Amino acid sequence: MITGFNTDIKHNEKVYHIQTEDKGLQNPYIESLVYVGGEILASKKTSYAEQATSGVDEKWIGSLMEQQHRTMIAAIKRGRFDAPADITKSTPRPTLAQAAPSVAEPAPIAIDEEKTLDQVIIDYLASEAESEHLELSLLNSTEFFAGTPVELRVAAKKSLSQSPIAAAAIEVKVISTVEPPRVIFRGKTTADGTAIVRCEIPAFAEGTAAIIISAQSPIGNDEVKQLVKRKK
């Protein structure tokens, strides 16, 4: 289990506390809670049980935690939880929909020297979460084995509106510890934001390898990484 995120956000004269933590590989999910006045206002859980079976490291989990934390901050700043205090207490707490773990490359931000470092971090996370960017996802569960063909369907969507992104450039690359990176597929998404990827994973007898599926568009880039297994 790794260190989580804790952030206070002031919005419409209310102070919201957002807490995001990893429950550990024995209970593989990320949980975010939003508090107002010591009471839980909202919760969000993202399971990574499927990815954990293939092996994940702390950096990957930390990235998923950060993305979920940004999503909660953005929800607060967009007024997702704007309600009188008495309604907040009597209404069942809402649960946000599950978010995708990856985000586009962040743009440089201007730093106000009068702000504390904590406030700079809060502003950065909030601005990143509020900006529309590309999100790439796999629409079917696939295992990748060396020396075998693979077919999968990917989708590129806008992070906030969830609208499909047409003509996003899709590339599949294999990286390994025993040979240089190799591109095995290039294509583009169709009008519905999806693309069918058909390619063959190179065979390798030693070392470790991974597949990197990436998407590029005018509103940003995103990628998904998966380990390549060797058949026994």
C-alpha atoms as a PDB file:
ATOM      1  CA  MET A   1       0.000   0.000   0.000  1.00  0.00           C
ATOM      2  CA  ILE A   2       1.426   3.417  -0.957  1.00  0.00           C
ATOM      3  CA  THR A   3       0.942   6.949   0.361  1.00  0.00           C
ATOM      4  CA  GLY A   4      -2.325   8.558  -0.694  1.00  0.00           C
ATOM      5  CA  PHE A   5      -3.506  12.082  -1.496  1.00  0.00           C
ATOM      6  CA  ASN A   6      -5.233  14.527   0.876  1.00  0.00           C
ATOM      7  CA  THR A   7      -6.498  17.879  -0.430  1.00  0.00           C
ATOM      8  CA  ASP A   8      -8.718  20.680   0.904  1.00  0.00           C
ATOM      9  CA  ILE A   9     -10.722  22.642  -1.691  1.00  0.00           C
ATOM     10  CA  LYS A  10     -12.803  25.736  -0.923  1.00  0.00           C
ATOM     11  CA  HIS A  11     -15.797  26.080  -3.228  1.00  0.00           C
ATOM     12  CA  ASN A  12     -18.855  28.311  -2.708  1.00  0.00           C
ATOM     13  CA  GLU A  13     -17.869  29.056   0.908  1.00  0.00           C
ATOM     14  CA  LYS A  14     -17.598  25.338   1.727  1.00  0.00           C
ATOM     15  CA  VAL A  15     -14.364  23.487   2.434  1.00  0.00           C
ATOM     16  CA  TYR A  16     -14.256  20.030   0.887  1.00  0.00           C
ATOM     17  CA  HIS A  17     -11.648  17.497   1.986  1.00  0.00           C
ATOM     18  CA  ILE A  18     -10.725  14.859  -0.605  1.00  0.00           C
ATOM     19  CA  GLN A  19      -8.882  11.727   0.506  1.00  0.00           C
ATOM     20  CA  THR A  20      -7.627   9.131  -1.977  1.00  0.00           C
ATOM     21  CA  GLU A  21      -5.827   5.950  -0.972  1.00  0.00           C
ATOM     22  CA  ASP A  22      -4.795   2.550  -2.273  1.00  0.00           C
ATOM     23  CA  LYS A  23      -6.210  -0.436  -0.384  1.00  0.00           C
ATOM     24  CA  GLY A  24      -3.267  -2.671  -1.342  1.00  0.00           C
ATOM     25  CA  LEU A  25      -2.736  -5.709  -3.570  1.00  0.00           C
ATOM     26  CA  GLN A  26      -4.691  -7.923  -1.152  1.00  0.00           C
ATOM     27  CA  ASN A  27      -7.702  -5.675  -1.754  1.00  0.00           C
ATOM     28  CA  PRO A  28      -6.848  -4.047  -5.104  1.00  0.00           C
ATOM     29  CA  TYR A  29      -8.870  -0.898  -5.492  1.00  0.00           C
ATOM     30  CA  ILE A  30      -8.448   2.859  -5.178  1.00  0.00           C
ATOM     31  CA  GLU A  31     -10.912   4.692  -2.939  1.00  0.00           C
ATOM     32  CA  SER A  32     -11.629   8.419  -2.854  1.00  0.00           C
ATOM     33  CA  LEU A  33     -13.816  10.039  -0.204  1.00  0.00           C
ATOM     34  CA  VAL A  34     -15.135  13.602  -0.128  1.00  0.00           C
ATOM     35  CA  TYR A  35     -15.810  15.097   3.313  1.00  0.00           C
ATOM     36  CA  VAL A  36     -17.636  18.275   4.324  1.00  0.00           C
ATOM     37  CA  GLY A  37     -17.648  19.145   8.012  1.00  0.00           C
ATOM     38  CA  GLY A  38     -16.389  15.693   8.942  1.00  0.00           C
ATOM     39  CA  GLU A  39     -19.202  13.862   7.096  1.00  0.00           C
ATOM     40  CA  ILE A  40     -18.699  11.744   3.983  1.00  0.00           C
ATOM     41  CA  LEU A  41     -20.405  13.453   1.063  1.00  0.00           C
ATOM     42  CA  ALA A  42     -19.305  11.188  -1.801  1.00  0.00           C
ATOM     43  CA  SER A  43     -17.220   8.117  -2.531  1.00  0.00           C
ATOM     44  CA  LYS A  44     -15.539   6.678  -5.592  1.00  0.00           C
ATOM     45  CA  LYS A  45     -13.882   3.285  -6.012  1.00  0.00           C
ATOM     46  CA  THR A  46     -11.769   2.019  -8.898  1.00  0.00           C
ATOM     47  CA  SER A  47     -10.761  -1.648  -8.967  1.00  0.00           C
ATOM     48  CA  TYR A  48      -7.498  -2.744 -10.550  1.00  0.00           C
ATOM     49  CA  ALA A  49      -7.889  -6.442  -9.716  1.00  0.00           C
ATOM     50  CA  GLU A  50      -7.577  -7.499 -13.359  1.00  0.00           C
ATOM     51  CA  GLN A  51      -4.369  -5.520 -13.891  1.00  0.00           C
ATOM     52  CA  ALA A  52      -2.938  -6.794 -10.604  1.00  0.00           C
ATOM     53  CA  THR A  53      -2.978 -10.364 -11.890  1.00  0.00           C
ATOM     54  CA  SER A  54      -0.480  -9.357 -14.600  1.00  0.00           C
ATOM     55  CA  GLY A  55       1.674  -7.380 -12.186  1.00  0.00           C
ATOM     56  CA  VAL A  56       1.581  -3.653 -11.379  1.00  0.00           C
ATOM     57  CA  ASP A  57       4.131  -1.453  -9.641  1.00  0.00           C
ATOM     58  CA  GLU A  58       3.804   1.491  -7.255  1.00  0.00           C
ATOM     59  CA  LYS A  59       4.332   4.023 -10.060  1.00  0.00           C
ATOM     60  CA  TRP A  60       1.352   2.640 -12.010  1.00  0.00           C
ATOM     61  CA  ILE A  61      -0.857   2.577  -8.915  1.00  0.00           C
ATOM     62  CA  GLY A  62       0.238   6.104  -7.986  1.00  0.00           C
ATOM     63  CA  SER A  63      -0.732   7.334 -11.460  1.00  0.00           C
ATOM     64  CA  LEU A  64      -4.192   5.774 -11.090  1.00  0.00           C
ATOM     65  CA  MET A  65      -4.601   7.378  -7.662  1.00  0.00           C
ATOM     66  CA  GLU A  66      -3.587  10.807  -8.983  1.00  0.00           C
ATOM     67  CA  GLN A  67      -6.030  10.603 -11.908  1.00  0.00           C
ATOM     68  CA  GLN A  68      -8.906   9.643  -9.594  1.00  0.00           C
ATOM     69  CA  HIS A  69      -7.978  12.425  -7.155  1.00  0.00           C
ATOM     70  CA  ARG A  70      -8.002  14.952 -10.016  1.00  0.00           C
ATOM     71  CA  THR A  71     -11.419  13.709 -11.099  1.00  0.00           C
ATOM     72  CA  MET A  72     -12.865  14.326  -7.633  1.00  0.00           C
ATOM     73  CA  ILE A  73     -11.361  17.834  -7.479  1.00  0.00           C
ATOM     74  CA  ALA A  74     -12.823  18.648 -10.893  1.00  0.00           C
ATOM     75  CA  ALA A  75     -16.244  17.371  -9.819  1.00  0.00           C
ATOM     76  CA  ILE A  76     -16.228  19.706  -6.822  1.00  0.00           C
ATOM     77  CA  LYS A  77     -15.132  22.735  -8.856  1.00  0.00           C
ATOM     78  CA  ARG A  78     -17.839  22.024 -11.461  1.00  0.00           C
ATOM     79  CA  GLY A  79     -20.478  22.122  -8.726  1.00  0.00           C
ATOM     80  CA  ARG A  80     -21.173  18.389  -8.652  1.00  0.00           C
ATOM     81  CA  PHE A  81     -21.842  18.538  -4.905  1.00  0.00           C
ATOM     82  CA  ASP A  82     -23.368  22.022  -4.627  1.00  0.00           C
ATOM     83  CA  ALA A  83     -26.275  21.652  -2.201  1.00  0.00           C
ATOM     84  CA  PRO A  84     -27.390  23.189   1.113  1.00  0.00           C
ATOM     85  CA  ALA A  85     -25.838  21.573   4.172  1.00  0.00           C
ATOM     86  CA  ASP A  86     -29.158  20.154   5.424  1.00  0.00           C
ATOM     87  CA  ILE A  87     -29.831  18.500   2.043  1.00  0.00           C
ATOM     88  CA  THR A  88     -26.308  17.115   2.009  1.00  0.00           C
ATOM     89  CA  LYS A  89     -26.905  15.391   5.334  1.00  0.00           C
ATOM     90  CA  SER A  90     -30.238  13.857   4.408  1.00  0.00           C
ATOM     91  CA  THR A  91     -29.437  12.723   0.879  1.00  0.00           C
ATOM     92  CA  PRO A  92     -27.673   9.389   0.209  1.00  0.00           C
ATOM     93  CA  ARG A  93     -24.089  10.048  -0.800  1.00  0.00           C
ATOM     94  CA  PRO A  94     -23.517   9.899  -4.558  1.00  0.00           C
ATOM     95  CA  THR A  95     -20.960   7.637  -6.180  1.00  0.00           C
ATOM     96  CA  LEU A  96     -19.146   8.902  -9.251  1.00  0.00           C
ATOM     97  CA  ALA A  97     -18.642   6.731 -12.352  1.00  0.00           C
ATOM     98  CA  GLN A  98     -15.305   4.894 -12.741  1.00  0.00           C
ATOM     99  CA  ALA A  99     -12.544   6.885 -14.448  1.00  0.00           C
ATOM    100  CA  ALA A 100      -9.766   5.803 -16.848  1.00  0.00           C
ATOM    101  CA  PRO A 101      -6.129   5.818 -15.224  1.00  0.00           C
ATOM    102  CA  SER A 102      -4.309   7.695 -17.893  1.00  0.00           C
ATOM    103  CA  VAL A 103      -4.081  11.435 -18.835  1.00  0.00           C
ATOM    104  CA  ALA A 104      -2.465  13.599 -21.499  1.00  0.00           C
ATOM    105  CA  GLU A 105       0.925  15.266 -20.989  1.00  0.00           C
ATOM    106  CA  PRO A 106       0.391  18.309 -18.709  1.00  0.00           C
ATOM    107  CA  ALA A 107       1.146  21.820 -19.954  1.00  0.00           C
ATOM    108  CA  PRO A 108       3.439  24.149 -17.959  1.00  0.00           C
ATOM    109  CA  ILE A 109       1.670  26.155 -15.233  1.00  0.00           C
ATOM    110  CA  ALA A 110       2.396  29.603 -13.859  1.00  0.00           C
ATOM    111  CA  ILE A 111       3.320  29.671 -10.165  1.00  0.00           C
ATOM    112  CA  ASP A 112       2.286  32.528  -7.876  1.00  0.00           C
ATOM    113  CA  GLU A 113       5.200  32.982  -5.470  1.00  0.00           C
ATOM    114  CA  GLU A 114       2.811  34.147  -2.728  1.00  0.00           C
ATOM    115  CA  LYS A 115       1.018  30.794  -2.709  1.00  0.00           C
ATOM    116  CA  THR A 116       2.146  27.880  -0.580  1.00  0.00           C
ATOM    117  CA  LEU A 117       3.433  24.752  -2.297  1.00  0.00           C
ATOM    118  CA  ASP A 118       0.286  22.887  -1.191  1.00  0.00           C
ATOM    119  CA  GLN A 119      -1.921  25.498  -2.884  1.00  0.00           C
ATOM    120  CA  VAL A 120       0.139  25.327  -6.090  1.00  0.00           C
ATOM    121  CA  ILE A 121      -0.323  21.548  -6.163  1.00  0.00           C
ATOM    122  CA  ILE A 122      -4.066  21.899  -5.520  1.00  0.00           C
ATOM    123  CA  ASP A 123      -4.454  24.441  -8.330  1.00  0.00           C
ATOM    124  CA  TYR A 124      -2.425  22.284 -10.691  1.00  0.00           C
ATOM    125  CA  LEU A 125      -4.477  19.148 -10.034  1.00  0.00           C
ATOM    126  CA  ALA A 126      -7.737  21.056 -10.360  1.00  0.00           C
ATOM    127  CA  SER A 127      -6.782  22.728 -13.655  1.00  0.00           C
ATOM    128  CA  GLU A 128      -5.588  19.438 -15.119  1.00  0.00           C
ATOM    129  CA  ALA A 129      -8.771  17.627 -14.161  1.00  0.00           C
ATOM    130  CA  GLU A 130     -10.964  20.368 -15.630  1.00  0.00           C
ATOM    131  CA  SER A 131      -9.264  20.450 -19.038  1.00  0.00           C
ATOM    132  CA  GLU A 132     -10.716  18.338 -21.840  1.00  0.00           C
ATOM    133  CA  HIS A 133      -8.226  15.727 -22.986  1.00  0.00           C
ATOM    134  CA  LEU A 134      -8.084  12.396 -24.783  1.00  0.00           C
ATOM    135  CA  GLU A 135      -8.731   9.190 -22.858  1.00  0.00           C
ATOM    136  CA  LEU A 136      -7.820   5.847 -24.427  1.00  0.00           C
ATOM    137  CA  SER A 137      -9.411   2.571 -23.293  1.00  0.00           C
ATOM    138  CA  LEU A 138      -9.444  -1.090 -24.341  1.00  0.00           C
ATOM    139  CA  LEU A 139     -12.952  -2.361 -25.105  1.00  0.00           C
ATOM    140  CA  ASN A 140     -12.124  -6.045 -24.791  1.00  0.00           C
ATOM    141  CA  SER A 141      -9.988  -7.939 -22.301  1.00  0.00           C
ATOM    142  CA  THR A 142      -6.960  -9.425 -24.049  1.00  0.00           C
ATOM    143  CA  GLU A 143      -3.819 -11.223 -22.952  1.00  0.00           C
ATOM    144  CA  PHE A 144      -0.701 -10.637 -25.005  1.00  0.00           C
ATOM    145  CA  PHE A 145       1.580 -13.599 -25.773  1.00  0.00           C
ATOM    146  CA  ALA A 146       4.878 -13.457 -27.636  1.00  0.00           C
ATOM    147  CA  GLY A 147       4.781 -14.882 -31.160  1.00  0.00           C
ATOM    148  CA  THR A 148       0.984 -14.830 -31.493  1.00  0.00           C
ATOM    149  CA  PRO A 149      -1.548 -12.654 -33.385  1.00  0.00           C
ATOM    150  CA  VAL A 150      -3.832 -10.367 -31.438  1.00  0.00           C
ATOM    151  CA  GLU A 151      -7.048  -8.523 -32.190  1.00  0.00           C
ATOM    152  CA  LEU A 152      -8.511  -5.872 -29.931  1.00  0.00           C
ATOM    153  CA  ARG A 153     -10.797  -2.840 -30.081  1.00  0.00           C
ATOM    154  CA  VAL A 154      -9.794   0.495 -28.618  1.00  0.00           C
ATOM    155  CA  ALA A 155     -11.759   3.692 -28.011  1.00  0.00           C
ATOM    156  CA  ALA A 156     -10.658   7.329 -27.847  1.00  0.00           C
ATOM    157  CA  LYS A 157     -12.995   9.696 -25.974  1.00  0.00           C
ATOM    158  CA  LYS A 158     -12.970  13.218 -24.576  1.00  0.00           C
ATOM    159  CA  SER A 159     -12.377  13.101 -20.828  1.00  0.00           C
ATOM    160  CA  LEU A 160     -15.195  15.425 -19.734  1.00  0.00           C
ATOM    161  CA  SER A 161     -17.923  15.117 -22.353  1.00  0.00           C
ATOM    162  CA  GLN A 162     -17.110  11.463 -23.170  1.00  0.00           C
ATOM    163  CA  SER A 163     -17.659  12.297 -26.854  1.00  0.00           C
ATOM    164  CA  PRO A 164     -15.842  10.028 -29.330  1.00  0.00           C
ATOM    165  CA  ILE A 165     -12.676  11.332 -30.968  1.00  0.00           C
ATOM    166  CA  ALA A 166     -12.530  10.503 -34.674  1.00  0.00           C
ATOM    167  CA  ALA A 167      -9.273  10.255 -36.653  1.00  0.00           C
ATOM    168  CA  ALA A 168      -7.104   9.855 -33.543  1.00  0.00           C
ATOM    169  CA  ALA A 169      -3.808   8.240 -34.542  1.00  0.00           C
ATOM    170  CA  ILE A 170      -3.416   4.779 -32.984  1.00  0.00           C
ATOM    171  CA  GLU A 171      -0.008   3.128 -32.687  1.00  0.00           C
ATOM    172  CA  VAL A 172       1.005  -0.179 -31.122  1.00  0.00           C
ATOM    173  CA  LYS A 173       4.622  -0.608 -30.133  1.00  0.00           C
ATOM    174  CA  VAL A 174       6.521  -3.500 -28.536  1.00  0.00           C
ATOM    175  CA  ILE A 175       9.356  -2.695 -26.158  1.00  0.00           C
ATOM    176  CA  SER A 176      11.607  -5.289 -24.564  1.00  0.00           C
ATOM    177  CA  THR A 177      14.840  -5.747 -22.665  1.00  0.00           C
ATOM    178  CA  VAL A 178      16.458  -7.700 -25.519  1.00  0.00           C
ATOM    179  CA  GLU A 179      15.807  -5.654 -28.684  1.00  0.00           C
ATOM    180  CA  PRO A 180      14.960  -2.098 -29.847  1.00  0.00           C
ATOM    181  CA  PRO A 181      11.322  -0.889 -29.799  1.00  0.00           C
ATOM    182  CA  ARG A 182       9.230  -2.091 -32.744  1.00  0.00           C
ATOM    183  CA  VAL A 183       6.002  -0.575 -34.120  1.00  0.00           C
ATOM    184  CA  ILE A 184       3.613  -3.379 -35.106  1.00  0.00           C
ATOM    185  CA  PHE A 185       0.440  -1.391 -35.901  1.00  0.00           C
ATOM    186  CA  ARG A 186      -0.638   2.059 -37.065  1.00  0.00           C
ATOM    187  CA  GLY A 187      -4.170   3.220 -37.770  1.00  0.00           C
ATOM    188  CA  LYS A 188      -6.862   5.781 -36.948  1.00  0.00           C
ATOM    189  CA  THR A 189     -10.139   5.780 -35.081  1.00  0.00           C
ATOM    190  CA  THR A 190     -13.394   5.884 -37.036  1.00  0.00           C
ATOM    191  CA  ALA A 191     -16.293   8.299 -36.586  1.00  0.00           C
ATOM    192  CA  ASP A 192     -17.393   6.535 -33.386  1.00  0.00           C
ATOM    193  CA  GLY A 193     -13.933   6.968 -31.852  1.00  0.00           C
ATOM    194  CA  THR A 194     -13.013   3.278 -32.046  1.00  0.00           C
ATOM    195  CA  ALA A 195     -10.419   1.299 -33.960  1.00  0.00           C
ATOM    196  CA  ILE A 196      -9.837  -2.406 -34.544  1.00  0.00           C
ATOM    197  CA  VAL A 197      -6.209  -3.366 -33.938  1.00  0.00           C
ATOM    198  CA  ARG A 198      -4.939  -6.511 -35.669  1.00  0.00           C
ATOM    199  CA  CYS A 199      -1.244  -7.321 -35.412  1.00  0.00           C
ATOM    200  CA  GLU A 200       1.234 -10.022 -34.431  1.00  0.00           C
ATOM    201  CA  ILE A 201       3.422  -9.833 -31.365  1.00  0.00           C
ATOM    202  CA  PRO A 202       7.055 -10.731 -32.114  1.00  0.00           C
ATOM    203  CA  ALA A 203       8.459 -13.860 -30.539  1.00  0.00           C
ATOM    204  CA  PHE A 204      11.233 -13.584 -27.991  1.00  0.00           C
ATOM    205  CA  ALA A 205      12.939 -16.337 -25.998  1.00  0.00           C
ATOM    206  CA  GLU A 206      14.359 -14.290 -23.143  1.00  0.00           C
ATOM    207  CA  GLY A 207      13.981 -11.024 -21.287  1.00  0.00           C
ATOM    208  CA  THR A 208      10.709  -9.206 -20.671  1.00  0.00           C
ATOM    209  CA  ALA A 209       8.503  -7.209 -23.034  1.00  0.00           C
ATOM    210  CA  ALA A 210       5.477  -4.938 -23.010  1.00  0.00           C
ATOM    211  CA  ILE A 211       2.902  -3.582 -25.442  1.00  0.00           C
ATOM    212  CA  ILE A 212       2.304   0.185 -25.552  1.00  0.00           C
ATOM    213  CA  ILE A 213      -0.956   1.203 -27.252  1.00  0.00           C
ATOM    214  CA  SER A 214      -1.014   4.952 -27.807  1.00  0.00           C
ATOM    215  CA  ALA A 215      -3.453   7.498 -29.234  1.00  0.00           C
ATOM    216  CA  GLN A 216      -2.733  11.026 -30.437  1.00  0.00           C
ATOM    217  CA  SER A 217      -5.170  13.853 -31.205  1.00  0.00           C
ATOM    218  CA  PRO A 218      -5.290  17.669 -31.212  1.00  0.00           C
ATOM    219  CA  ILE A 219      -6.544  17.669 -27.592  1.00  0.00           C
ATOM    220  CA  GLY A 220      -3.808  15.417 -26.251  1.00  0.00           C
ATOM    221  CA  ASN A 221      -2.311  11.960 -26.127  1.00  0.00           C
ATOM    222  CA  ASP A 222      -2.856   8.869 -24.010  1.00  0.00           C
ATOM    223  CA  GLU A 223      -1.501   5.341 -23.807  1.00  0.00           C
ATOM    224  CA  VAL A 224      -2.177   1.938 -22.294  1.00  0.00           C
ATOM    225  CA  LYS A 225       0.604  -0.461 -21.309  1.00  0.00           C
ATOM    226  CA  GLN A 226       0.289  -4.248 -20.996  1.00  0.00           C
ATOM    227  CA  LEU A 227       2.869  -6.945 -20.257  1.00  0.00           C
ATOM    228  CA  VAL A 228       3.694  -9.531 -22.926  1.00  0.00           C
ATOM    229  CA  LYS A 229       3.742 -13.099 -21.673  1.00  0.00           C
ATOM    230  CA  ARG A 230       5.656 -16.083 -23.032  1.00  0.00           C
ATOM    231  CA  LYS A 231       3.742 -19.283 -23.629  1.00  0.00           C
ATOM    232  CA  LYS A 232       4.951 -22.124 -21.454  1.00  0.00           C
END
